Amino acid sequence: MHMGADTYRELIATKGNVQCLLEKQEPVDHCRFCIHCREFRINGEWVKSPSLAYCVKSRVTGKVDLSKVEAVKCADRQQEGFHNFASIIG
């Protein structure tokens, strides 16, 4: 199933954390390893997530200054929460 940009959740970063699920916050640092993470907003600009490094379509390999993240663009619409991409490629 393809998700358009309008289907992403925008999670606001507060003190280095995002509200991943209603009952659970996650450190922004975890997002860079999450299969749902698409982009980080830094200084008002969206930057692709390093978690897309193994995505055949994206192949992102850049680094992100996680200390400056204002928000996270998240593709998790099923309320699965943090899901480490290493469990898929490992």
N, C-alpha and C. Protein backbone atom coordinates (compact mmCIF):
# COMPACT_ATOMS: atom_id res chain seq x y z
N MET A 1 0.83 -1.18 0.00
CA MET A 1 0.00 0.00 0.00
C MET A 1 0.87 1.24 0.00
N HIS A 2 0.60 2.16 -0.88
CA HIS A 2 1.36 3.40 -0.98
C HIS A 2 0.73 4.47 -0.10
N MET A 3 1.55 5.18 0.67
CA MET A 3 1.06 6.26 1.50
C MET A 3 1.51 7.58 0.90
N GLY A 4 0.62 8.48 0.66
CA GLY A 4 0.97 9.80 0.19
C GLY A 4 1.45 10.68 1.33
N ALA A 5 2.03 11.82 1.00
CA ALA A 5 2.56 12.73 2.01
C ALA A 5 1.48 13.19 2.98
N ASP A 6 0.23 13.24 2.52
CA ASP A 6 -0.85 13.71 3.38
C ASP A 6 -1.28 12.67 4.41
N THR A 7 -0.76 11.47 4.35
CA THR A 7 -1.12 10.43 5.30
C THR A 7 -0.12 10.31 6.45
N TYR A 8 0.95 11.06 6.41
CA TYR A 8 1.95 11.00 7.48
C TYR A 8 1.47 11.76 8.72
N ARG A 9 1.90 11.27 9.86
CA ARG A 9 1.66 12.00 11.11
C ARG A 9 2.87 12.90 11.34
N GLU A 10 2.64 14.10 11.84
CA GLU A 10 3.74 14.99 12.21
C GLU A 10 3.82 15.01 13.73
N LEU A 11 4.90 14.44 14.24
CA LEU A 11 5.10 14.34 15.68
C LEU A 11 6.03 15.46 16.13
N ILE A 12 5.55 16.33 17.00
CA ILE A 12 6.35 17.45 17.48
C ILE A 12 7.35 16.95 18.51
N ALA A 13 8.60 17.37 18.35
CA ALA A 13 9.65 16.98 19.29
C ALA A 13 9.66 17.96 20.47
N THR A 14 9.63 17.40 21.67
CA THR A 14 9.68 18.19 22.90
C THR A 14 10.73 17.58 23.81
N LYS A 15 11.76 18.36 24.10
CA LYS A 15 12.86 17.89 24.97
C LYS A 15 13.45 16.58 24.46
N GLY A 16 13.60 16.46 23.13
CA GLY A 16 14.23 15.30 22.54
C GLY A 16 13.36 14.07 22.41
N ASN A 17 12.05 14.22 22.66
CA ASN A 17 11.12 13.09 22.58
C ASN A 17 9.95 13.43 21.68
N VAL A 18 9.30 12.37 21.15
CA VAL A 18 8.07 12.53 20.39
C VAL A 18 7.02 11.59 20.99
N GLN A 19 5.75 11.97 20.84
CA GLN A 19 4.66 11.15 21.32
C GLN A 19 4.36 10.10 20.25
N CYS A 20 5.05 8.98 20.32
CA CYS A 20 4.96 7.92 19.32
C CYS A 20 3.56 7.30 19.32
N LEU A 21 3.10 6.92 20.47
CA LEU A 21 1.76 6.38 20.68
C LEU A 21 1.10 7.20 21.78
N LEU A 22 -0.20 7.12 21.91
CA LEU A 22 -0.88 7.88 22.96
C LEU A 22 -0.29 7.63 24.33
N GLU A 23 0.09 6.38 24.58
CA GLU A 23 0.59 6.01 25.90
C GLU A 23 2.12 5.93 25.97
N LYS A 24 2.81 6.29 24.88
CA LYS A 24 4.26 6.09 24.89
C LYS A 24 5.02 7.15 24.11
N GLN A 25 6.00 7.75 24.79
CA GLN A 25 6.94 8.65 24.13
C GLN A 25 8.18 7.87 23.75
N GLU A 26 8.85 8.33 22.71
CA GLU A 26 10.11 7.72 22.27
C GLU A 26 11.13 8.85 22.09
N PRO A 27 12.38 8.58 22.40
CA PRO A 27 13.42 9.56 22.09
C PRO A 27 13.53 9.73 20.57
N VAL A 28 13.78 10.96 20.13
CA VAL A 28 13.96 11.23 18.70
C VAL A 28 15.07 10.34 18.14
N ASP A 29 16.05 10.03 18.96
CA ASP A 29 17.16 9.17 18.55
C ASP A 29 16.67 7.82 18.04
N HIS A 30 15.59 7.30 18.62
CA HIS A 30 15.04 6.02 18.18
C HIS A 30 14.44 6.12 16.78
N CYS A 31 13.91 7.29 16.44
CA CYS A 31 13.24 7.48 15.15
C CYS A 31 14.18 7.19 13.98
N ARG A 32 15.45 7.48 14.13
CA ARG A 32 16.37 7.25 13.01
C ARG A 32 16.55 5.76 12.71
N PHE A 33 16.06 4.90 13.59
CA PHE A 33 16.13 3.45 13.38
C PHE A 33 14.75 2.84 13.12
N CYS A 34 13.72 3.67 13.03
CA CYS A 34 12.35 3.18 12.94
C CYS A 34 11.87 3.09 11.49
N ILE A 35 11.23 1.99 11.15
CA ILE A 35 10.74 1.79 9.78
C ILE A 35 9.65 2.79 9.40
N HIS A 36 9.02 3.42 10.38
CA HIS A 36 7.94 4.37 10.10
C HIS A 36 8.44 5.79 9.85
N CYS A 37 9.64 6.10 10.30
CA CYS A 37 10.17 7.46 10.21
C CYS A 37 10.53 7.81 8.77
N ARG A 38 10.05 8.95 8.29
CA ARG A 38 10.32 9.38 6.93
C ARG A 38 11.22 10.60 6.86
N GLU A 39 10.95 11.58 7.73
CA GLU A 39 11.73 12.82 7.68
C GLU A 39 11.78 13.47 9.05
N PHE A 40 12.80 14.32 9.22
CA PHE A 40 12.94 15.15 10.41
C PHE A 40 12.87 16.61 9.99
N ARG A 41 12.19 17.43 10.79
CA ARG A 41 12.18 18.87 10.51
C ARG A 41 13.23 19.55 11.37
N ILE A 42 14.16 20.22 10.70
CA ILE A 42 15.23 20.95 11.38
C ILE A 42 15.27 22.35 10.79
N ASN A 43 15.16 23.35 11.66
CA ASN A 43 15.14 24.75 11.23
C ASN A 43 14.09 24.99 10.14
N GLY A 44 12.93 24.35 10.29
CA GLY A 44 11.82 24.55 9.36
C GLY A 44 11.91 23.77 8.06
N GLU A 45 12.99 23.03 7.84
CA GLU A 45 13.19 22.27 6.60
C GLU A 45 13.10 20.77 6.89
N TRP A 46 12.47 20.03 5.98
CA TRP A 46 12.36 18.58 6.13
C TRP A 46 13.59 17.90 5.53
N VAL A 47 14.19 16.98 6.32
CA VAL A 47 15.37 16.23 5.92
C VAL A 47 15.02 14.75 5.99
N LYS A 48 15.36 13.99 4.97
CA LYS A 48 15.06 12.54 4.94
C LYS A 48 15.71 11.84 6.12
N SER A 49 15.03 10.84 6.63
CA SER A 49 15.51 10.07 7.77
C SER A 49 16.58 9.06 7.36
N PRO A 50 17.62 8.90 8.19
CA PRO A 50 18.61 7.85 7.93
C PRO A 50 18.00 6.45 7.93
N SER A 51 16.82 6.30 8.51
CA SER A 51 16.17 4.98 8.51
C SER A 51 15.82 4.53 7.10
N LEU A 52 15.85 5.46 6.14
CA LEU A 52 15.54 5.12 4.75
C LEU A 52 16.78 4.63 3.98
N ALA A 53 17.89 4.47 4.66
CA ALA A 53 19.13 4.03 4.01
C ALA A 53 18.97 2.68 3.31
N TYR A 54 18.11 1.82 3.84
CA TYR A 54 17.92 0.50 3.25
C TYR A 54 16.70 0.43 2.35
N CYS A 55 16.04 1.56 2.16
CA CYS A 55 14.87 1.62 1.28
C CYS A 55 15.35 1.70 -0.17
N VAL A 56 14.94 0.77 -0.98
CA VAL A 56 15.37 0.72 -2.38
C VAL A 56 15.00 2.00 -3.12
N LYS A 57 13.88 2.58 -2.78
CA LYS A 57 13.42 3.79 -3.44
C LYS A 57 14.22 5.03 -3.01
N SER A 58 14.58 5.13 -1.73
CA SER A 58 15.20 6.35 -1.21
C SER A 58 16.72 6.31 -1.13
N ARG A 59 17.25 5.25 -0.55
CA ARG A 59 18.70 5.10 -0.36
C ARG A 59 19.35 6.30 0.31
N VAL A 60 18.72 6.84 1.35
CA VAL A 60 19.25 7.98 2.08
C VAL A 60 20.46 7.54 2.89
N THR A 61 21.52 8.32 2.85
CA THR A 61 22.71 7.97 3.63
C THR A 61 23.25 9.14 4.43
N GLY A 62 22.57 10.28 4.40
CA GLY A 62 23.05 11.46 5.11
C GLY A 62 22.84 11.37 6.61
N LYS A 63 23.56 12.23 7.34
CA LYS A 63 23.43 12.28 8.79
C LYS A 63 22.48 13.40 9.16
N VAL A 64 21.84 13.25 10.29
CA VAL A 64 20.89 14.23 10.79
C VAL A 64 21.32 14.65 12.19
N ASP A 65 21.35 15.96 12.44
CA ASP A 65 21.66 16.47 13.78
C ASP A 65 20.40 16.34 14.62
N LEU A 66 20.29 15.24 15.34
CA LEU A 66 19.08 14.93 16.10
C LEU A 66 18.83 15.92 17.23
N SER A 67 19.84 16.64 17.68
CA SER A 67 19.65 17.62 18.75
C SER A 67 18.85 18.83 18.27
N LYS A 68 18.70 18.99 16.96
CA LYS A 68 17.99 20.15 16.40
C LYS A 68 16.62 19.79 15.82
N VAL A 69 16.19 18.55 16.01
CA VAL A 69 14.92 18.10 15.42
C VAL A 69 13.74 18.79 16.11
N GLU A 70 12.87 19.38 15.29
CA GLU A 70 11.66 20.05 15.77
C GLU A 70 10.43 19.14 15.65
N ALA A 71 10.45 18.27 14.65
CA ALA A 71 9.32 17.37 14.42
C ALA A 71 9.79 16.17 13.60
N VAL A 72 8.98 15.13 13.62
CA VAL A 72 9.26 13.90 12.89
C VAL A 72 8.04 13.59 12.02
N LYS A 73 8.29 13.27 10.75
CA LYS A 73 7.22 12.83 9.85
C LYS A 73 7.18 11.31 9.94
N CYS A 74 6.04 10.80 10.38
CA CYS A 74 5.90 9.38 10.71
C CYS A 74 4.82 8.73 9.84
N ALA A 75 5.11 7.56 9.29
CA ALA A 75 4.17 6.84 8.43
C ALA A 75 3.37 5.78 9.20
N ASP A 76 3.46 5.76 10.51
CA ASP A 76 2.76 4.76 11.32
C ASP A 76 1.30 5.14 11.49
N ARG A 77 0.43 4.58 10.67
CA ARG A 77 -1.01 4.82 10.79
C ARG A 77 -1.72 3.67 11.47
N GLN A 78 -1.01 2.58 11.73
CA GLN A 78 -1.61 1.40 12.35
C GLN A 78 -1.42 1.40 13.87
N GLN A 79 -0.76 2.44 14.39
CA GLN A 79 -0.49 2.53 15.83
C GLN A 79 0.38 1.37 16.33
N GLU A 80 1.39 1.03 15.52
CA GLU A 80 2.34 -0.03 15.90
C GLU A 80 3.43 0.50 16.82
N GLY A 81 3.75 1.78 16.69
CA GLY A 81 4.80 2.36 17.50
C GLY A 81 6.19 2.07 16.92
N PHE A 82 7.19 2.34 17.71
CA PHE A 82 8.57 2.17 17.27
C PHE A 82 8.81 0.75 16.79
N HIS A 83 9.39 0.65 15.61
CA HIS A 83 9.72 -0.66 15.03
C HIS A 83 11.09 -0.55 14.38
N ASN A 84 12.07 -1.15 14.99
CA ASN A 84 13.46 -1.06 14.55
C ASN A 84 13.65 -1.77 13.22
N PHE A 85 14.21 -1.04 12.23
CA PHE A 85 14.39 -1.63 10.90
C PHE A 85 15.41 -2.77 10.91
N ALA A 86 16.24 -2.87 11.94
CA ALA A 86 17.23 -3.95 12.04
C ALA A 86 16.54 -5.32 12.15
N SER A 87 15.34 -5.34 12.68
CA SER A 87 14.63 -6.61 12.79
C SER A 87 14.18 -7.12 11.43
N ILE A 88 14.14 -6.25 10.43
CA ILE A 88 13.74 -6.63 9.09
C ILE A 88 14.94 -7.07 8.26
N ILE A 89 16.06 -6.33 8.39
CA ILE A 89 17.23 -6.62 7.57
C ILE A 89 18.17 -7.62 8.21
N GLY A 90 17.98 -7.88 9.50
CA GLY A 90 18.90 -8.73 10.26
C GLY A 90 18.67 -10.14 10.11
